[in-house]
Amino acid sequence: MKFSDLYILTFLGLFSCNNLQNNQSDYKYTDEVLIYFNEIFHINLEQEKNKIYYLFEVEGCENCIDINSKMLLNLNQNENLVIVFIGESKNQDFINRINTLKKKFLFLEDKFREINNYKTNLAKPILIHLGNNGIKKIQMITDDRLQETSRYINENL
């Protein structure tokens, strides 16, 4: 094997390892989210398998609630998607959408926003994808990632 071949193989190996790590998570508060789920819902996320949890604050920014609720309503119904509703909306249109989502998907509720007692940096929804071997991906979902997120959820459940 030539030196240039070894160099290329080493580069490709490093690139694929870094690429895998970047796909898993760009979120820095995983430990606090795990504690939150354990203490508030008595769920050990590290033991859950093949589920996606979508943490969705429903009494914050109205535009965020609007576009996220529409995205969730357009997803295929699946028992492996669990929406965690955080807070309580006062907007009747959003309440109607939330009730529709509750009929379509499994859900948890954190009406009293207990998540604020944990360092989770919840400013936008958070997606937690659990595979066969624990957390596969955890990511904050910004508005510009909604289409990608919708595709990701439909392809991975």
Protein backbone atom coordinates (compact mmCIF):
# COMPACT_ATOMS: atom_id res chain seq x y z
CA MET A 1 0.00 0.00 0.00
CA LYS A 2 1.35 3.40 -0.97
CA PHE A 3 1.62 6.25 1.50
CA SER A 4 -1.00 8.26 -0.45
CA ASP A 5 -3.49 5.35 -0.18
CA LEU A 6 -2.94 5.15 3.58
CA TYR A 7 -3.42 8.92 3.87
CA ILE A 8 -6.72 8.78 1.94
CA LEU A 9 -8.03 5.85 4.02
CA THR A 10 -7.13 7.66 7.25
CA PHE A 11 -8.89 10.83 6.05
CA LEU A 12 -12.01 8.90 5.04
CA GLY A 13 -12.05 7.12 8.40
CA LEU A 14 -11.82 10.37 10.30
CA PHE A 15 -14.48 11.99 8.11
CA SER A 16 -16.97 9.16 8.61
CA CYS A 17 -16.45 9.16 12.40
CA ASN A 18 -16.99 12.91 12.59
CA ASN A 19 -20.01 12.69 10.30
CA LEU A 20 -21.62 10.04 12.54
CA GLN A 21 -21.05 12.13 15.66
CA ASN A 22 -22.57 15.22 14.05
CA ASN A 23 -25.68 13.28 13.02
CA GLN A 24 -26.28 12.06 16.55
CA SER A 25 -26.61 15.40 18.27
CA ASP A 26 -25.94 19.09 18.12
CA TYR A 27 -27.65 19.56 21.50
CA LYS A 28 -25.62 20.24 24.65
CA TYR A 29 -28.19 19.54 27.39
CA THR A 30 -28.86 15.82 26.95
CA ASP A 31 -28.14 14.94 30.60
CA GLU A 32 -30.69 17.46 31.90
CA VAL A 33 -33.35 16.21 29.46
CA LEU A 34 -32.75 12.64 30.68
CA ILE A 35 -33.15 13.78 34.30
CA TYR A 36 -36.31 15.76 33.39
CA PHE A 37 -37.97 12.72 31.79
CA ASN A 38 -36.97 10.50 34.69
CA GLU A 39 -38.14 12.85 37.45
CA ILE A 40 -41.28 14.29 35.84
CA PHE A 41 -42.60 11.39 33.76
CA HIS A 42 -40.77 8.46 35.41
CA ILE A 43 -39.40 7.48 31.99
CA ASN A 44 -35.82 6.35 31.51
CA LEU A 45 -35.15 7.44 27.94
CA GLU A 46 -32.00 5.34 27.79
CA GLN A 47 -34.17 2.21 28.10
CA GLU A 48 -36.82 3.29 25.56
CA LYS A 49 -36.51 1.88 22.06
CA ASN A 50 -37.60 3.01 18.59
CA LYS A 51 -39.48 6.15 19.61
CA ILE A 52 -39.33 9.81 18.83
CA TYR A 53 -40.24 12.29 21.54
CA TYR A 54 -41.09 15.82 20.38
CA LEU A 55 -40.93 18.41 23.17
CA PHE A 56 -43.36 21.13 22.12
CA GLU A 57 -43.93 24.32 24.11
CA VAL A 58 -47.52 25.43 23.47
CA GLU A 59 -47.71 28.75 25.30
CA GLY A 60 -44.73 30.54 23.82
CA CYS A 61 -44.20 32.23 20.50
CA GLU A 62 -47.44 32.05 18.49
CA ASN A 63 -45.67 31.73 15.14
CA CYS A 64 -43.60 28.80 16.51
CA ILE A 65 -46.72 27.06 17.80
CA ASP A 66 -48.50 27.68 14.51
CA ILE A 67 -45.85 26.23 12.21
CA ASN A 68 -44.92 23.33 14.52
CA SER A 69 -48.51 22.27 15.10
CA LYS A 70 -49.18 22.35 11.34
CA MET A 71 -46.07 20.26 10.70
CA LEU A 72 -47.11 17.70 13.34
CA LEU A 73 -50.68 17.52 11.99
CA ASN A 74 -49.31 16.66 8.54
CA LEU A 75 -47.24 13.71 9.82
CA ASN A 76 -48.39 10.15 9.33
CA GLN A 77 -50.07 8.74 12.42
CA ASN A 78 -47.61 6.56 14.34
CA GLU A 79 -47.66 5.11 17.85
CA ASN A 80 -43.89 5.59 18.13
CA LEU A 81 -44.13 9.37 18.05
CA VAL A 82 -44.79 10.88 21.48
CA ILE A 83 -45.50 14.60 21.71
CA VAL A 84 -44.66 16.28 25.02
CA PHE A 85 -46.92 19.33 25.36
CA ILE A 86 -45.28 21.93 27.59
CA GLY A 87 -47.49 24.61 29.11
CA GLU A 88 -51.09 25.41 28.22
CA SER A 89 -52.20 27.47 25.24
CA LYS A 90 -54.87 30.14 25.64
CA ASN A 91 -55.41 30.44 21.87
CA GLN A 92 -58.57 28.52 20.88
CA ASP A 93 -57.25 27.63 17.42
CA PHE A 94 -54.09 26.15 18.98
CA ILE A 95 -56.17 24.33 21.64
CA ASN A 96 -58.18 22.71 18.83
CA ARG A 97 -55.01 21.65 17.01
CA ILE A 98 -53.49 20.29 20.21
CA ASN A 99 -56.64 18.26 20.87
CA THR A 100 -56.44 16.84 17.34
CA LEU A 101 -52.78 15.95 17.90
CA LYS A 102 -53.69 14.23 21.19
CA LYS A 103 -56.13 12.02 19.27
CA LYS A 104 -53.58 11.23 16.57
CA PHE A 105 -50.42 10.58 18.65
CA LEU A 106 -49.36 9.41 22.08
CA PHE A 107 -48.62 12.38 24.31
CA LEU A 108 -47.36 13.56 27.67
CA GLU A 109 -48.20 16.85 29.33
CA ASP A 110 -46.11 19.23 31.38
CA LYS A 111 -48.84 21.80 32.04
CA PHE A 112 -46.88 23.52 34.79
CA ARG A 113 -43.72 23.84 32.66
CA GLU A 114 -41.60 21.78 35.02
CA ILE A 115 -39.01 21.64 32.25
CA ASN A 116 -38.00 25.16 33.25
CA ASN A 117 -36.54 23.69 36.46
CA TYR A 118 -33.94 21.87 34.33
CA LYS A 119 -31.12 23.22 32.20
CA THR A 120 -32.52 22.20 28.80
CA ASN A 121 -32.29 25.50 26.92
CA LEU A 122 -35.84 24.94 25.64
CA ALA A 123 -36.44 27.78 23.22
CA LYS A 124 -37.63 25.74 20.26
CA PRO A 125 -39.03 22.20 20.08
CA ILE A 126 -36.61 19.39 20.83
CA LEU A 127 -36.62 16.10 18.95
CA ILE A 128 -35.30 13.01 20.74
CA HIS A 129 -34.95 9.91 18.58
CA LEU A 130 -34.40 6.67 20.47
CA GLY A 131 -33.11 3.68 18.53
CA ASN A 132 -32.37 0.13 19.64
CA ASN A 133 -29.24 1.24 21.51
CA GLY A 134 -30.36 4.41 23.30
CA ILE A 135 -30.36 7.95 22.00
CA LYS A 136 -29.82 8.08 18.27
CA LYS A 137 -30.37 11.81 17.86
CA ILE A 138 -31.35 14.76 20.03
CA GLN A 139 -31.75 18.12 18.39
CA MET A 140 -33.36 21.52 18.87
CA ILE A 141 -35.69 22.18 15.93
CA THR A 142 -35.41 25.68 14.53
CA ASP A 143 -38.03 27.03 12.13
CA ASP A 144 -35.75 26.52 9.12
CA ARG A 145 -35.46 22.79 9.98
CA LEU A 146 -39.18 21.95 10.00
CA GLN A 147 -39.31 20.38 6.55
CA GLU A 148 -36.19 18.35 7.28
CA THR A 149 -37.67 17.35 10.65
CA SER A 150 -40.95 16.23 9.11
CA ARG A 151 -39.08 14.11 6.58
CA TYR A 152 -36.82 12.70 9.32
CA ILE A 153 -39.77 11.68 11.52
CA ASN A 154 -41.67 10.01 8.64
CA GLU A 155 -38.55 8.16 7.47
CA ASN A 156 -37.47 6.96 10.91
CA LEU A 157 -40.70 5.65 12.43
